[in-house]
Amino acid sequence: MTHLPCETTAVRFERVLLRASQNRLSDLSSFYGSLAEAVEFSVGEGDPFYHFALLVPGDRFAAAHEWARGEFELLPDSDTGNVVFDFENWDARAIYFHDPIGNIVELIAHRGVEENGHSGAFDAGELCGVSELGLVGDRPALARRLAEELELEVWAGSVDEPHRLAFVGEKARTFVLSPPGRGWLPTGR
């Protein structure tokens, strides 16, 4: 999926490829076609599962939340029941929902990032692209490869502590490195 109307930054996901089983491609195409200008999917084996976050302009979270509430069933925090997640250490707020095949999609807005000054109803065309992409595996090896091939460094979290996430790249443009078996917010899947 490619959509890049917002300002340039050092890290930018130019292309994200989602794999899905053949019988689910039309569901994904119609769903993401309404969220982005260009959509591309690839047929994969089995039923792959992804977690990723789409970046909302920092000053448009309330409007995006209102829009998403009308479009999707928002996923609550299992402890509080709240559907808005406030990440104070990132100066960000997020909401989560499932796409048609069960991927966990996050809409996240970092205060002061990609702000556009718009008012009124939110439109999917305001999404600034992919903000986070979850990668599961050997976190130290993943971090080394991202550093060697893309010159991206861990900026938060840890690759050395068991069950911790590591965040590579930069705020609002992040690879989230997870050990196998660790669940994603907010469902634990």
N, C-alpha and C. Protein backbone atom coordinates (compact mmCIF):
# COMPACT_ATOMS: atom_id res chain seq x y z
N MET A 1 0.86 -1.15 0.00
CA MET A 1 0.00 0.00 0.00
C MET A 1 0.91 1.21 0.00
N THR A 2 0.66 2.18 -0.85
CA THR A 2 1.47 3.37 -0.94
C THR A 2 0.57 4.59 -0.85
N HIS A 3 0.91 5.52 0.01
CA HIS A 3 0.16 6.77 0.12
C HIS A 3 1.09 7.74 0.81
N LEU A 4 1.55 8.76 0.12
CA LEU A 4 2.57 9.61 0.68
C LEU A 4 2.26 11.10 0.52
N PRO A 5 1.11 11.59 1.00
CA PRO A 5 0.83 13.01 0.82
C PRO A 5 1.53 13.90 1.83
N CYS A 6 2.06 13.34 2.89
CA CYS A 6 2.60 14.15 3.99
C CYS A 6 4.07 14.47 3.76
N GLU A 7 4.59 15.30 4.64
CA GLU A 7 5.96 15.79 4.50
C GLU A 7 6.98 14.65 4.51
N THR A 8 8.13 14.91 3.94
CA THR A 8 9.20 13.92 3.87
C THR A 8 9.87 13.77 5.22
N THR A 9 10.33 12.57 5.51
CA THR A 9 11.03 12.29 6.75
C THR A 9 12.18 11.35 6.42
N ALA A 10 13.08 11.12 7.36
CA ALA A 10 14.25 10.28 7.10
C ALA A 10 13.87 8.84 6.81
N VAL A 11 12.89 8.30 7.52
CA VAL A 11 12.46 6.93 7.30
C VAL A 11 11.06 6.98 6.68
N ARG A 12 10.88 6.26 5.58
CA ARG A 12 9.58 6.26 4.92
C ARG A 12 9.37 4.87 4.34
N PHE A 13 8.23 4.23 4.69
CA PHE A 13 7.88 2.96 4.09
C PHE A 13 7.30 3.27 2.71
N GLU A 14 8.04 2.99 1.66
CA GLU A 14 7.59 3.28 0.30
C GLU A 14 6.61 2.23 -0.20
N ARG A 15 6.76 1.01 0.26
CA ARG A 15 5.93 -0.08 -0.24
C ARG A 15 5.78 -1.12 0.86
N VAL A 16 4.55 -1.55 1.09
CA VAL A 16 4.28 -2.62 2.04
C VAL A 16 3.48 -3.67 1.30
N LEU A 17 3.93 -4.89 1.33
CA LEU A 17 3.27 -5.99 0.64
C LEU A 17 2.62 -6.89 1.68
N LEU A 18 1.32 -7.09 1.58
CA LEU A 18 0.59 -7.99 2.47
C LEU A 18 0.27 -9.26 1.71
N ARG A 19 0.54 -10.38 2.31
CA ARG A 19 0.19 -11.66 1.70
C ARG A 19 -1.12 -12.15 2.28
N ALA A 20 -1.93 -12.76 1.44
CA ALA A 20 -3.22 -13.29 1.87
C ALA A 20 -3.55 -14.49 1.01
N SER A 21 -4.40 -15.35 1.53
CA SER A 21 -4.84 -16.50 0.73
C SER A 21 -5.70 -15.99 -0.42
N GLN A 22 -5.72 -16.73 -1.50
CA GLN A 22 -6.41 -16.34 -2.73
C GLN A 22 -7.87 -15.95 -2.48
N ASN A 23 -8.56 -16.70 -1.64
CA ASN A 23 -9.98 -16.45 -1.43
C ASN A 23 -10.25 -15.20 -0.60
N ARG A 24 -9.23 -14.52 -0.09
CA ARG A 24 -9.42 -13.31 0.72
C ARG A 24 -8.95 -12.04 0.03
N LEU A 25 -8.37 -12.15 -1.17
CA LEU A 25 -7.82 -10.97 -1.84
C LEU A 25 -8.87 -9.92 -2.14
N SER A 26 -10.05 -10.32 -2.57
CA SER A 26 -11.08 -9.31 -2.91
C SER A 26 -11.52 -8.56 -1.66
N ASP A 27 -11.60 -9.26 -0.50
CA ASP A 27 -11.96 -8.58 0.76
C ASP A 27 -10.93 -7.51 1.10
N LEU A 28 -9.66 -7.86 0.98
CA LEU A 28 -8.61 -6.91 1.31
C LEU A 28 -8.56 -5.75 0.32
N SER A 29 -8.69 -6.06 -0.95
CA SER A 29 -8.62 -5.02 -1.96
C SER A 29 -9.71 -3.99 -1.77
N SER A 30 -10.94 -4.42 -1.53
CA SER A 30 -12.02 -3.44 -1.35
C SER A 30 -11.84 -2.68 -0.04
N PHE A 31 -11.34 -3.33 1.01
CA PHE A 31 -11.14 -2.67 2.29
C PHE A 31 -10.04 -1.61 2.21
N TYR A 32 -8.85 -1.99 1.74
CA TYR A 32 -7.74 -1.05 1.70
C TYR A 32 -7.83 -0.10 0.53
N GLY A 33 -8.57 -0.45 -0.49
CA GLY A 33 -8.78 0.46 -1.61
C GLY A 33 -9.45 1.74 -1.16
N SER A 34 -10.26 1.67 -0.09
CA SER A 34 -10.91 2.87 0.43
C SER A 34 -9.98 3.67 1.33
N LEU A 35 -8.85 3.09 1.74
CA LEU A 35 -7.93 3.76 2.65
C LEU A 35 -6.69 4.31 1.97
N ALA A 36 -6.41 3.90 0.74
CA ALA A 36 -5.16 4.30 0.11
C ALA A 36 -5.34 4.48 -1.39
N GLU A 37 -4.41 5.21 -1.98
CA GLU A 37 -4.47 5.46 -3.42
C GLU A 37 -4.02 4.24 -4.22
N ALA A 38 -3.03 3.52 -3.75
CA ALA A 38 -2.51 2.37 -4.46
C ALA A 38 -2.43 1.19 -3.51
N VAL A 39 -2.93 0.05 -3.92
CA VAL A 39 -2.96 -1.13 -3.07
C VAL A 39 -2.38 -2.29 -3.85
N GLU A 40 -1.54 -3.09 -3.19
CA GLU A 40 -0.98 -4.27 -3.84
C GLU A 40 -0.97 -5.40 -2.84
N PHE A 41 -1.40 -6.57 -3.29
CA PHE A 41 -1.40 -7.76 -2.46
C PHE A 41 -0.77 -8.89 -3.23
N SER A 42 -0.30 -9.87 -2.49
CA SER A 42 0.31 -11.04 -3.10
C SER A 42 -0.34 -12.28 -2.49
N VAL A 43 -0.54 -13.28 -3.33
CA VAL A 43 -1.09 -14.53 -2.83
C VAL A 43 0.00 -15.26 -2.08
N GLY A 44 -0.33 -15.68 -0.88
CA GLY A 44 0.63 -16.40 -0.06
C GLY A 44 0.08 -17.75 0.32
N GLU A 45 0.87 -18.48 1.05
CA GLU A 45 0.44 -19.79 1.52
C GLU A 45 -0.15 -19.64 2.91
N GLY A 46 -1.17 -20.40 3.22
CA GLY A 46 -1.79 -20.37 4.54
C GLY A 46 -2.50 -19.06 4.79
N ASP A 47 -2.60 -18.72 6.06
CA ASP A 47 -3.26 -17.48 6.48
C ASP A 47 -2.28 -16.63 7.27
N PRO A 48 -1.45 -15.83 6.59
CA PRO A 48 -0.51 -14.98 7.31
C PRO A 48 -1.25 -13.96 8.16
N PHE A 49 -0.58 -13.44 9.17
CA PHE A 49 -1.15 -12.48 10.10
C PHE A 49 -0.16 -11.33 10.29
N TYR A 50 -0.66 -10.10 10.28
CA TYR A 50 0.19 -8.93 10.41
C TYR A 50 -0.33 -7.98 11.48
N HIS A 51 0.59 -7.23 12.05
CA HIS A 51 0.26 -6.04 12.83
C HIS A 51 1.00 -4.89 12.17
N PHE A 52 0.26 -3.82 11.88
CA PHE A 52 0.89 -2.62 11.37
C PHE A 52 0.06 -1.42 11.79
N ALA A 53 0.70 -0.26 11.75
CA ALA A 53 0.04 0.98 12.15
C ALA A 53 0.08 1.97 10.99
N LEU A 54 -1.03 2.64 10.80
CA LEU A 54 -1.12 3.72 9.81
C LEU A 54 -1.04 5.04 10.55
N LEU A 55 -0.25 5.97 10.00
CA LEU A 55 0.01 7.24 10.65
C LEU A 55 -1.09 8.26 10.35
N VAL A 56 -1.66 8.79 11.42
CA VAL A 56 -2.65 9.86 11.37
C VAL A 56 -1.92 11.16 11.68
N PRO A 57 -2.23 12.26 11.00
CA PRO A 57 -1.62 13.54 11.39
C PRO A 57 -1.83 13.81 12.87
N GLY A 58 -0.79 14.30 13.53
CA GLY A 58 -0.83 14.50 14.97
C GLY A 58 -1.98 15.34 15.48
N ASP A 59 -2.45 16.28 14.67
CA ASP A 59 -3.54 17.15 15.09
C ASP A 59 -4.92 16.64 14.65
N ARG A 60 -4.98 15.41 14.13
CA ARG A 60 -6.25 14.90 13.59
C ARG A 60 -6.71 13.63 14.28
N PHE A 61 -6.14 13.30 15.46
CA PHE A 61 -6.52 12.05 16.11
C PHE A 61 -8.00 12.02 16.48
N ALA A 62 -8.52 13.07 17.09
CA ALA A 62 -9.93 13.07 17.51
C ALA A 62 -10.85 12.85 16.31
N ALA A 63 -10.57 13.51 15.22
CA ALA A 63 -11.39 13.34 14.01
C ALA A 63 -11.23 11.94 13.44
N ALA A 64 -10.01 11.41 13.44
CA ALA A 64 -9.77 10.05 12.94
C ALA A 64 -10.47 9.02 13.83
N HIS A 65 -10.46 9.24 15.12
CA HIS A 65 -11.14 8.34 16.05
C HIS A 65 -12.64 8.34 15.76
N GLU A 66 -13.21 9.50 15.58
CA GLU A 66 -14.64 9.60 15.28
C GLU A 66 -14.96 8.88 13.95
N TRP A 67 -14.15 9.09 12.94
CA TRP A 67 -14.33 8.44 11.64
C TRP A 67 -14.24 6.91 11.79
N ALA A 68 -13.19 6.45 12.48
CA ALA A 68 -12.97 5.00 12.62
C ALA A 68 -14.10 4.34 13.39
N ARG A 69 -14.62 5.04 14.40
CA ARG A 69 -15.74 4.50 15.19
C ARG A 69 -16.94 4.19 14.30
N GLY A 70 -17.15 4.99 13.27
CA GLY A 70 -18.25 4.76 12.34
C GLY A 70 -17.97 3.72 11.28
N GLU A 71 -16.70 3.36 11.09
CA GLU A 71 -16.30 2.44 10.03
C GLU A 71 -15.95 1.04 10.52
N PHE A 72 -15.40 0.93 11.73
CA PHE A 72 -14.84 -0.32 12.21
C PHE A 72 -15.28 -0.59 13.65
N GLU A 73 -15.18 -1.84 14.04
CA GLU A 73 -15.37 -2.18 15.45
C GLU A 73 -14.02 -2.01 16.13
N LEU A 74 -13.91 -0.99 16.99
CA LEU A 74 -12.63 -0.71 17.65
C LEU A 74 -12.38 -1.73 18.74
N LEU A 75 -11.12 -2.12 18.88
CA LEU A 75 -10.72 -3.14 19.84
C LEU A 75 -10.34 -2.48 21.16
N PRO A 76 -10.94 -2.93 22.26
CA PRO A 76 -10.66 -2.31 23.56
C PRO A 76 -9.43 -2.89 24.24
N ASP A 77 -8.88 -2.10 25.17
CA ASP A 77 -7.84 -2.57 26.07
C ASP A 77 -8.49 -3.61 26.99
N SER A 78 -7.89 -4.78 27.11
CA SER A 78 -8.49 -5.85 27.90
C SER A 78 -8.54 -5.52 29.39
N ASP A 79 -7.67 -4.63 29.86
CA ASP A 79 -7.67 -4.26 31.27
C ASP A 79 -8.66 -3.14 31.60
N THR A 80 -8.73 -2.13 30.73
CA THR A 80 -9.54 -0.94 31.05
C THR A 80 -10.84 -0.85 30.26
N GLY A 81 -10.91 -1.53 29.12
CA GLY A 81 -12.08 -1.40 28.25
C GLY A 81 -12.02 -0.18 27.35
N ASN A 82 -11.02 0.67 27.53
CA ASN A 82 -10.88 1.87 26.69
C ASN A 82 -10.44 1.47 25.28
N VAL A 83 -10.95 2.19 24.29
CA VAL A 83 -10.53 1.93 22.91
C VAL A 83 -9.44 2.89 22.46
N VAL A 84 -9.19 3.94 23.22
CA VAL A 84 -8.09 4.86 22.92
C VAL A 84 -6.92 4.51 23.83
N PHE A 85 -5.77 4.29 23.22
CA PHE A 85 -4.54 3.95 23.94
C PHE A 85 -3.64 5.18 23.94
N ASP A 86 -3.29 5.65 25.12
CA ASP A 86 -2.46 6.84 25.25
C ASP A 86 -1.03 6.39 25.56
N PHE A 87 -0.14 6.59 24.61
CA PHE A 87 1.27 6.23 24.78
C PHE A 87 2.05 7.50 25.14
N GLU A 88 2.04 7.83 26.41
CA GLU A 88 2.64 9.09 26.87
C GLU A 88 4.12 9.17 26.51
N ASN A 89 4.86 8.06 26.64
CA ASN A 89 6.31 8.10 26.37
C ASN A 89 6.61 8.35 24.89
N TRP A 90 5.63 8.13 24.01
CA TRP A 90 5.81 8.41 22.58
C TRP A 90 5.06 9.67 22.18
N ASP A 91 4.36 10.29 23.14
CA ASP A 91 3.52 11.45 22.85
C ASP A 91 2.55 11.10 21.72
N ALA A 92 1.87 9.96 21.89
CA ALA A 92 1.00 9.44 20.84
C ALA A 92 -0.28 8.84 21.42
N ARG A 93 -1.29 8.78 20.58
CA ARG A 93 -2.54 8.07 20.90
C ARG A 93 -2.85 7.16 19.72
N ALA A 94 -3.53 6.04 20.04
CA ALA A 94 -3.81 5.05 19.00
C ALA A 94 -5.15 4.38 19.25
N ILE A 95 -5.71 3.84 18.18
CA ILE A 95 -6.87 2.96 18.22
C ILE A 95 -6.57 1.77 17.33
N TYR A 96 -7.27 0.66 17.59
CA TYR A 96 -7.01 -0.59 16.89
C TYR A 96 -8.31 -1.19 16.37
N PHE A 97 -8.21 -1.92 15.26
CA PHE A 97 -9.34 -2.68 14.72
C PHE A 97 -8.78 -3.81 13.86
N HIS A 98 -9.64 -4.76 13.52
CA HIS A 98 -9.25 -5.84 12.61
C HIS A 98 -9.62 -5.47 11.19
N ASP A 99 -8.79 -5.86 10.23
CA ASP A 99 -9.19 -5.75 8.83
C ASP A 99 -10.01 -7.00 8.48
N PRO A 100 -10.49 -7.13 7.24
CA PRO A 100 -11.38 -8.25 6.91
C PRO A 100 -10.82 -9.65 7.13
N ILE A 101 -9.49 -9.79 7.19
CA ILE A 101 -8.94 -11.13 7.39
C ILE A 101 -8.26 -11.29 8.75
N GLY A 102 -8.47 -10.34 9.66
CA GLY A 102 -8.00 -10.51 11.03
C GLY A 102 -6.67 -9.88 11.36
N ASN A 103 -6.04 -9.17 10.43
CA ASN A 103 -4.83 -8.42 10.79
C ASN A 103 -5.21 -7.35 11.80
N ILE A 104 -4.29 -7.04 12.71
CA ILE A 104 -4.53 -5.97 13.66
C ILE A 104 -3.99 -4.68 13.05
N VAL A 105 -4.91 -3.76 12.78
CA VAL A 105 -4.56 -2.47 12.19
C VAL A 105 -4.65 -1.41 13.29
N GLU A 106 -3.65 -0.58 13.35
CA GLU A 106 -3.59 0.49 14.33
C GLU A 106 -3.59 1.82 13.59
N LEU A 107 -4.35 2.77 14.09
CA LEU A 107 -4.24 4.16 13.65
C LEU A 107 -3.56 4.90 14.78
N ILE A 108 -2.41 5.51 14.50
CA ILE A 108 -1.63 6.19 15.55
C ILE A 108 -1.31 7.61 15.12
N ALA A 109 -1.42 8.52 16.08
CA ALA A 109 -1.08 9.92 15.85
C ALA A 109 -0.09 10.35 16.91
N HIS A 110 1.04 10.86 16.47
CA HIS A 110 2.07 11.40 17.37
C HIS A 110 1.89 12.92 17.39
N ARG A 111 1.71 13.48 18.56
CA ARG A 111 1.54 14.93 18.67
C ARG A 111 2.74 15.63 18.03
N GLY A 112 2.45 16.59 17.16
CA GLY A 112 3.51 17.36 16.50
C GLY A 112 4.08 16.73 15.24
N VAL A 113 3.59 15.53 14.87
CA VAL A 113 4.13 14.84 13.69
C VAL A 113 3.09 14.87 12.57
N GLU A 114 3.52 15.32 11.40
CA GLU A 114 2.70 15.33 10.17
C GLU A 114 1.40 16.12 10.33
N GLU A 115 1.37 17.09 11.24
CA GLU A 115 0.14 17.86 11.44
C GLU A 115 -0.21 18.62 10.18
N ASN A 116 -1.54 18.68 9.87
CA ASN A 116 -1.95 19.28 8.61
C ASN A 116 -2.88 20.48 8.76
N GLY A 117 -3.34 20.78 9.97
CA GLY A 117 -4.18 21.95 10.19
C GLY A 117 -5.60 21.82 9.67
N HIS A 118 -5.98 20.64 9.19
CA HIS A 118 -7.34 20.45 8.69
C HIS A 118 -8.33 20.46 9.84
N SER A 119 -9.58 20.76 9.52
CA SER A 119 -10.64 20.68 10.51
C SER A 119 -11.81 19.94 9.87
N GLY A 120 -12.79 19.62 10.67
CA GLY A 120 -13.96 18.92 10.15
C GLY A 120 -13.77 17.42 10.13
N ALA A 121 -14.60 16.76 9.37
CA ALA A 121 -14.60 15.29 9.30
C ALA A 121 -13.29 14.78 8.72
N PHE A 122 -12.83 13.66 9.27
CA PHE A 122 -11.60 13.01 8.81
C PHE A 122 -11.89 12.24 7.53
N ASP A 123 -10.92 12.18 6.68
CA ASP A 123 -11.00 11.42 5.43
C ASP A 123 -9.80 10.49 5.36
N ALA A 124 -10.01 9.26 4.89
CA ALA A 124 -8.91 8.29 4.80
C ALA A 124 -7.75 8.82 3.98
N GLY A 125 -7.99 9.75 3.09
CA GLY A 125 -6.92 10.35 2.30
C GLY A 125 -5.92 11.14 3.13
N GLU A 126 -6.26 11.43 4.39
CA GLU A 126 -5.34 12.13 5.28
C GLU A 126 -4.29 11.21 5.89
N LEU A 127 -4.49 9.90 5.79
CA LEU A 127 -3.49 8.97 6.34
C LEU A 127 -2.16 9.22 5.66
N CYS A 128 -1.10 9.26 6.46
CA CYS A 128 0.23 9.63 5.96
C CYS A 128 1.08 8.44 5.56
N GLY A 129 0.56 7.24 5.65
CA GLY A 129 1.33 6.06 5.28
C GLY A 129 1.46 5.11 6.45
N VAL A 130 2.37 4.19 6.32
CA VAL A 130 2.60 3.19 7.36
C VAL A 130 3.53 3.79 8.41
N SER A 131 3.12 3.71 9.66
CA SER A 131 3.91 4.23 10.77
C SER A 131 4.72 3.14 11.45
N GLU A 132 4.12 1.95 11.60
CA GLU A 132 4.79 0.84 12.27
C GLU A 132 4.52 -0.45 11.50
N LEU A 133 5.52 -1.29 11.49
CA LEU A 133 5.38 -2.62 10.90
C LEU A 133 6.03 -3.61 11.85
N GLY A 134 5.25 -4.60 12.30
CA GLY A 134 5.76 -5.59 13.24
C GLY A 134 6.55 -6.68 12.54
N LEU A 135 7.73 -6.99 13.05
CA LEU A 135 8.58 -8.07 12.56
C LEU A 135 8.82 -9.04 13.70
N VAL A 136 8.57 -10.32 13.47
CA VAL A 136 8.72 -11.34 14.51
C VAL A 136 9.92 -12.21 14.18
N GLY A 137 10.75 -12.45 15.20
CA GLY A 137 11.90 -13.33 14.99
C GLY A 137 12.99 -13.05 15.99
N ASP A 138 14.21 -13.37 15.61
CA ASP A 138 15.39 -13.15 16.44
C ASP A 138 15.68 -11.65 16.44
N ARG A 139 15.29 -10.95 17.50
CA ARG A 139 15.39 -9.50 17.55
C ARG A 139 16.82 -8.98 17.37
N PRO A 140 17.84 -9.56 18.02
CA PRO A 140 19.19 -9.06 17.78
C PRO A 140 19.61 -9.20 16.31
N ALA A 141 19.26 -10.33 15.69
CA ALA A 141 19.61 -10.53 14.29
C ALA A 141 18.84 -9.56 13.38
N LEU A 142 17.56 -9.37 13.66
CA LEU A 142 16.77 -8.41 12.87
C LEU A 142 17.34 -7.00 13.01
N ALA A 143 17.69 -6.62 14.23
CA ALA A 143 18.24 -5.27 14.47
C ALA A 143 19.57 -5.10 13.75
N ARG A 144 20.43 -6.13 13.80
CA ARG A 144 21.72 -6.05 13.09
C ARG A 144 21.50 -5.87 11.59
N ARG A 145 20.58 -6.64 11.03
CA ARG A 145 20.33 -6.56 9.58
C ARG A 145 19.77 -5.18 9.19
N LEU A 146 18.84 -4.65 9.98
CA LEU A 146 18.30 -3.33 9.69
C LEU A 146 19.38 -2.25 9.81
N ALA A 147 20.30 -2.43 10.76
CA ALA A 147 21.40 -1.47 10.92
C ALA A 147 22.37 -1.56 9.75
N GLU A 148 22.73 -2.79 9.35
CA GLU A 148 23.70 -2.98 8.27
C GLU A 148 23.14 -2.56 6.92
N GLU A 149 21.90 -2.97 6.61
CA GLU A 149 21.36 -2.76 5.28
C GLU A 149 20.65 -1.42 5.10
N LEU A 150 20.07 -0.89 6.18
CA LEU A 150 19.30 0.34 6.06
C LEU A 150 19.79 1.47 6.97
N GLU A 151 20.85 1.17 7.76
CA GLU A 151 21.41 2.14 8.71
C GLU A 151 20.36 2.65 9.70
N LEU A 152 19.47 1.73 10.14
CA LEU A 152 18.44 2.06 11.12
C LEU A 152 18.85 1.47 12.46
N GLU A 153 18.66 2.24 13.51
CA GLU A 153 19.08 1.83 14.85
C GLU A 153 17.88 1.67 15.78
N VAL A 154 18.07 0.89 16.84
CA VAL A 154 17.07 0.75 17.89
C VAL A 154 16.98 2.10 18.61
N TRP A 155 15.79 2.65 18.71
CA TRP A 155 15.62 3.93 19.39
C TRP A 155 14.82 3.81 20.69
N ALA A 156 14.18 2.67 20.90
CA ALA A 156 13.46 2.43 22.16
C ALA A 156 13.32 0.93 22.34
N GLY A 157 13.05 0.51 23.57
CA GLY A 157 12.90 -0.91 23.86
C GLY A 157 14.24 -1.61 23.94
N SER A 158 14.22 -2.94 23.77
CA SER A 158 15.44 -3.71 23.93
C SER A 158 15.41 -4.97 23.08
N VAL A 159 16.56 -5.32 22.51
CA VAL A 159 16.69 -6.60 21.81
C VAL A 159 17.27 -7.67 22.72
N ASP A 160 17.76 -7.26 23.90
CA ASP A 160 18.43 -8.18 24.79
C ASP A 160 17.56 -8.75 25.90
N GLU A 161 16.51 -8.05 26.28
CA GLU A 161 15.65 -8.52 27.37
C GLU A 161 14.54 -9.40 26.81
N PRO A 162 14.38 -10.61 27.39
CA PRO A 162 13.35 -11.52 26.89
C PRO A 162 11.96 -10.89 26.94
N HIS A 163 11.17 -11.18 25.94
CA HIS A 163 9.76 -10.76 25.85
C HIS A 163 9.56 -9.27 25.68
N ARG A 164 10.63 -8.48 25.50
CA ARG A 164 10.49 -7.04 25.26
C ARG A 164 10.46 -6.77 23.78
N LEU A 165 9.81 -5.70 23.41
CA LEU A 165 9.82 -5.23 22.03
C LEU A 165 11.01 -4.31 21.84
N ALA A 166 11.48 -4.21 20.61
CA ALA A 166 12.51 -3.23 20.24
C ALA A 166 11.95 -2.40 19.10
N PHE A 167 12.24 -1.11 19.10
CA PHE A 167 11.70 -0.19 18.12
C PHE A 167 12.86 0.37 17.31
N VAL A 168 12.83 0.15 16.00
CA VAL A 168 13.93 0.50 15.11
C VAL A 168 13.45 1.52 14.09
N GLY A 169 14.28 2.50 13.81
CA GLY A 169 13.95 3.54 12.85
C GLY A 169 13.84 4.87 13.55
N GLU A 170 12.62 5.42 13.61
CA GLU A 170 12.37 6.67 14.30
C GLU A 170 10.90 6.74 14.69
N LYS A 171 10.58 7.63 15.60
CA LYS A 171 9.19 7.80 16.02
C LYS A 171 8.34 8.10 14.79
N ALA A 172 7.22 7.40 14.68
CA ALA A 172 6.25 7.53 13.58
C ALA A 172 6.67 6.80 12.31
N ARG A 173 7.85 6.23 12.28
CA ARG A 173 8.34 5.42 11.16
C ARG A 173 9.19 4.31 11.76
N THR A 174 8.52 3.23 12.20
CA THR A 174 9.16 2.27 13.09
C THR A 174 8.94 0.82 12.68
N PHE A 175 10.00 0.03 12.74
CA PHE A 175 9.88 -1.42 12.73
C PHE A 175 9.79 -1.85 14.19
N VAL A 176 8.75 -2.62 14.52
CA VAL A 176 8.59 -3.13 15.88
C VAL A 176 9.07 -4.57 15.88
N LEU A 177 10.17 -4.83 16.57
CA LEU A 177 10.76 -6.17 16.60
C LEU A 177 10.21 -6.93 17.81
N SER A 178 9.64 -8.09 17.54
CA SER A 178 9.00 -8.88 18.60
C SER A 178 9.59 -10.28 18.62
N PRO A 179 9.75 -10.85 19.82
CA PRO A 179 10.16 -12.25 19.89
C PRO A 179 8.97 -13.14 19.48
N PRO A 180 9.24 -14.33 18.95
CA PRO A 180 8.15 -15.24 18.60
C PRO A 180 7.27 -15.54 19.82
N GLY A 181 5.97 -15.61 19.58
CA GLY A 181 5.03 -15.97 20.64
C GLY A 181 4.52 -14.81 21.47
N ARG A 182 5.09 -13.63 21.33
CA ARG A 182 4.59 -12.48 22.09
C ARG A 182 3.39 -11.90 21.35
N GLY A 183 2.32 -11.63 22.06
CA GLY A 183 1.11 -11.11 21.45
C GLY A 183 1.18 -9.61 21.17
N TRP A 184 0.35 -9.17 20.22
CA TRP A 184 0.26 -7.77 19.85
C TRP A 184 -0.92 -7.11 20.56
N LEU A 185 -0.75 -5.84 20.88
CA LEU A 185 -1.86 -5.05 21.43
C LEU A 185 -2.99 -5.01 20.39
N PRO A 186 -4.20 -4.91 20.81
CA PRO A 186 -4.68 -5.07 22.16
C PRO A 186 -5.24 -6.46 22.43
N THR A 187 -5.13 -7.37 21.45
CA THR A 187 -5.79 -8.67 21.59
C THR A 187 -4.89 -9.75 22.18
N GLY A 188 -3.57 -9.53 22.13
CA GLY A 188 -2.65 -10.57 22.60
C GLY A 188 -2.39 -11.63 21.55
N ARG A 189 -2.98 -11.50 20.37
CA ARG A 189 -2.76 -12.47 19.30
C ARG A 189 -1.34 -12.36 18.79
